[in-house]
Amino acid sequence: MTPDHGRFLSELSEKERTLLILREELYEGSWKEMILDLSARLQKGPQVFELTETIEADLERIEELAKYENEHDINLGDYLEDEN
């Protein structure tokens, strides 16, 4: 891991880190599958406003994490264990 990637990973918020861990554990490392699942949850009907806001915020966080991974051609999930 480069120092820049290490710094990026260490500066993730708790929510960003949680999304990254969930992607690895529940969605087999796929942002696409996670986005599809969260989007489907938004479409299913009446939601508590707070839940809708949380999902929308998570989708924005995912977009930023995926952008970083794409720009640097890395998988941040590969470095989760290295950081601990």
C-alpha atoms as a PDB file:
ATOM      1  CA  MET A   1       0.000   0.000   0.000  1.00  0.00           C
ATOM      2  CA  THR A   2       1.354   3.403  -0.889  1.00  0.00           C
ATOM      3  CA  PRO A   3       1.507   6.116   1.768  1.00  0.00           C
ATOM      4  CA  ASP A   4      -1.228   8.038  -0.085  1.00  0.00           C
ATOM      5  CA  HIS A   5      -3.571   5.047  -0.025  1.00  0.00           C
ATOM      6  CA  GLY A   6      -2.762   4.410   3.619  1.00  0.00           C
ATOM      7  CA  ARG A   7      -3.557   8.019   4.468  1.00  0.00           C
ATOM      8  CA  PHE A   8      -6.816   7.886   2.505  1.00  0.00           C
ATOM      9  CA  LEU A   9      -7.847   4.691   4.289  1.00  0.00           C
ATOM     10  CA  SER A  10      -6.897   6.026   7.714  1.00  0.00           C
ATOM     11  CA  GLU A  11      -8.948   9.173   7.132  1.00  0.00           C
ATOM     12  CA  LEU A  12     -12.159   7.331   6.269  1.00  0.00           C
ATOM     13  CA  SER A  13     -15.103   8.142   8.491  1.00  0.00           C
ATOM     14  CA  GLU A  14     -16.647   5.361  10.541  1.00  0.00           C
ATOM     15  CA  LYS A  15     -19.569   5.252   8.094  1.00  0.00           C
ATOM     16  CA  GLU A  16     -17.267   4.988   5.071  1.00  0.00           C
ATOM     17  CA  ARG A  17     -15.259   2.247   6.746  1.00  0.00           C
ATOM     18  CA  THR A  18     -18.475   0.381   7.619  1.00  0.00           C
ATOM     19  CA  LEU A  19     -19.623   0.565   3.996  1.00  0.00           C
ATOM     20  CA  LEU A  20     -16.294  -0.795   2.840  1.00  0.00           C
ATOM     21  CA  ILE A  21     -16.455  -3.684   5.329  1.00  0.00           C
ATOM     22  CA  LEU A  22     -20.067  -4.472   4.373  1.00  0.00           C
ATOM     23  CA  ARG A  23     -19.144  -4.471   0.693  1.00  0.00           C
ATOM     24  CA  GLU A  24     -16.412  -7.012   1.372  1.00  0.00           C
ATOM     25  CA  GLU A  25     -18.471  -9.234   3.664  1.00  0.00           C
ATOM     26  CA  LEU A  26     -21.990  -9.074   2.210  1.00  0.00           C
ATOM     27  CA  TYR A  27     -21.555  -8.129  -1.436  1.00  0.00           C
ATOM     28  CA  GLU A  28     -18.406 -10.086  -2.315  1.00  0.00           C
ATOM     29  CA  GLY A  29     -16.439  -6.884  -2.919  1.00  0.00           C
ATOM     30  CA  SER A  30     -18.930  -5.414  -5.396  1.00  0.00           C
ATOM     31  CA  TRP A  31     -20.012  -1.783  -5.165  1.00  0.00           C
ATOM     32  CA  LYS A  32     -22.444  -2.478  -8.002  1.00  0.00           C
ATOM     33  CA  GLU A  33     -24.307  -5.151  -6.027  1.00  0.00           C
ATOM     34  CA  MET A  34     -24.392  -2.961  -2.946  1.00  0.00           C
ATOM     35  CA  ILE A  35     -25.724   0.019  -4.920  1.00  0.00           C
ATOM     36  CA  LEU A  36     -28.393  -2.165  -6.522  1.00  0.00           C
ATOM     37  CA  ASP A  37     -29.492  -3.436  -3.112  1.00  0.00           C
ATOM     38  CA  LEU A  38     -29.641   0.011  -1.489  1.00  0.00           C
ATOM     39  CA  SER A  39     -31.425   1.498  -4.498  1.00  0.00           C
ATOM     40  CA  ALA A  40     -33.990  -1.294  -4.403  1.00  0.00           C
ATOM     41  CA  ARG A  41     -34.598  -0.587  -0.729  1.00  0.00           C
ATOM     42  CA  LEU A  42     -35.339   3.044  -1.599  1.00  0.00           C
ATOM     43  CA  GLN A  43     -37.841   1.970  -4.262  1.00  0.00           C
ATOM     44  CA  LYS A  44     -39.808  -0.461  -2.074  1.00  0.00           C
ATOM     45  CA  GLY A  45     -42.289   2.031  -0.746  1.00  0.00           C
ATOM     46  CA  PRO A  46     -42.956   4.039   2.355  1.00  0.00           C
ATOM     47  CA  GLN A  47     -39.810   4.561   4.330  1.00  0.00           C
ATOM     48  CA  VAL A  48     -39.001   6.403   7.471  1.00  0.00           C
ATOM     49  CA  PHE A  49     -37.551   9.719   6.316  1.00  0.00           C
ATOM     50  CA  GLU A  50     -34.382   9.163   8.348  1.00  0.00           C
ATOM     51  CA  LEU A  51     -33.783   5.791   6.676  1.00  0.00           C
ATOM     52  CA  THR A  52     -34.197   7.346   3.232  1.00  0.00           C
ATOM     53  CA  GLU A  53     -31.683  10.054   4.125  1.00  0.00           C
ATOM     54  CA  THR A  54     -29.240   7.455   5.421  1.00  0.00           C
ATOM     55  CA  ILE A  55     -29.449   5.331   2.271  1.00  0.00           C
ATOM     56  CA  GLU A  56     -29.034   8.378   0.046  1.00  0.00           C
ATOM     57  CA  ALA A  57     -26.006   9.522   2.064  1.00  0.00           C
ATOM     58  CA  ASP A  58     -24.540   6.004   1.901  1.00  0.00           C
ATOM     59  CA  LEU A  59     -24.962   5.976  -1.883  1.00  0.00           C
ATOM     60  CA  GLU A  60     -23.013   9.246  -2.058  1.00  0.00           C
ATOM     61  CA  ARG A  61     -20.269   7.802   0.149  1.00  0.00           C
ATOM     62  CA  ILE A  62     -20.098   4.702  -2.038  1.00  0.00           C
ATOM     63  CA  GLU A  63     -19.760   6.881  -5.135  1.00  0.00           C
ATOM     64  CA  GLU A  64     -16.747   8.655  -3.600  1.00  0.00           C
ATOM     65  CA  LEU A  65     -15.096   5.420  -2.451  1.00  0.00           C
ATOM     66  CA  ALA A  66     -15.640   3.774  -5.839  1.00  0.00           C
ATOM     67  CA  LYS A  67     -14.281   6.875  -7.588  1.00  0.00           C
ATOM     68  CA  TYR A  68     -11.096   6.719  -5.520  1.00  0.00           C
ATOM     69  CA  GLU A  69     -10.681   3.016  -6.253  1.00  0.00           C
ATOM     70  CA  ASN A  70     -11.239   3.535  -9.977  1.00  0.00           C
ATOM     71  CA  GLU A  71      -8.877   6.511 -10.202  1.00  0.00           C
ATOM     72  CA  HIS A  72      -6.097   4.589  -8.445  1.00  0.00           C
ATOM     73  CA  ASP A  73      -6.897   1.123  -9.794  1.00  0.00           C
ATOM     74  CA  ILE A  74      -7.038  -0.420  -6.312  1.00  0.00           C
ATOM     75  CA  ASN A  75      -9.447  -2.281  -4.067  1.00  0.00           C
ATOM     76  CA  LEU A  76      -9.476  -0.631  -0.643  1.00  0.00           C
ATOM     77  CA  GLY A  77     -10.921  -3.815   0.806  1.00  0.00           C
ATOM     78  CA  ASP A  78      -7.573  -5.501   0.177  1.00  0.00           C
ATOM     79  CA  TYR A  79      -5.989  -3.133   2.678  1.00  0.00           C
ATOM     80  CA  LEU A  80      -8.470  -3.314   5.536  1.00  0.00           C
ATOM     81  CA  GLU A  81      -6.559  -6.011   7.395  1.00  0.00           C
ATOM     82  CA  ASP A  82      -3.191  -4.326   6.772  1.00  0.00           C
ATOM     83  CA  GLU A  83      -4.382  -1.254   8.600  1.00  0.00           C
ATOM     84  CA  ASN A  84      -5.293  -2.974  11.885  1.00  0.00           C
END
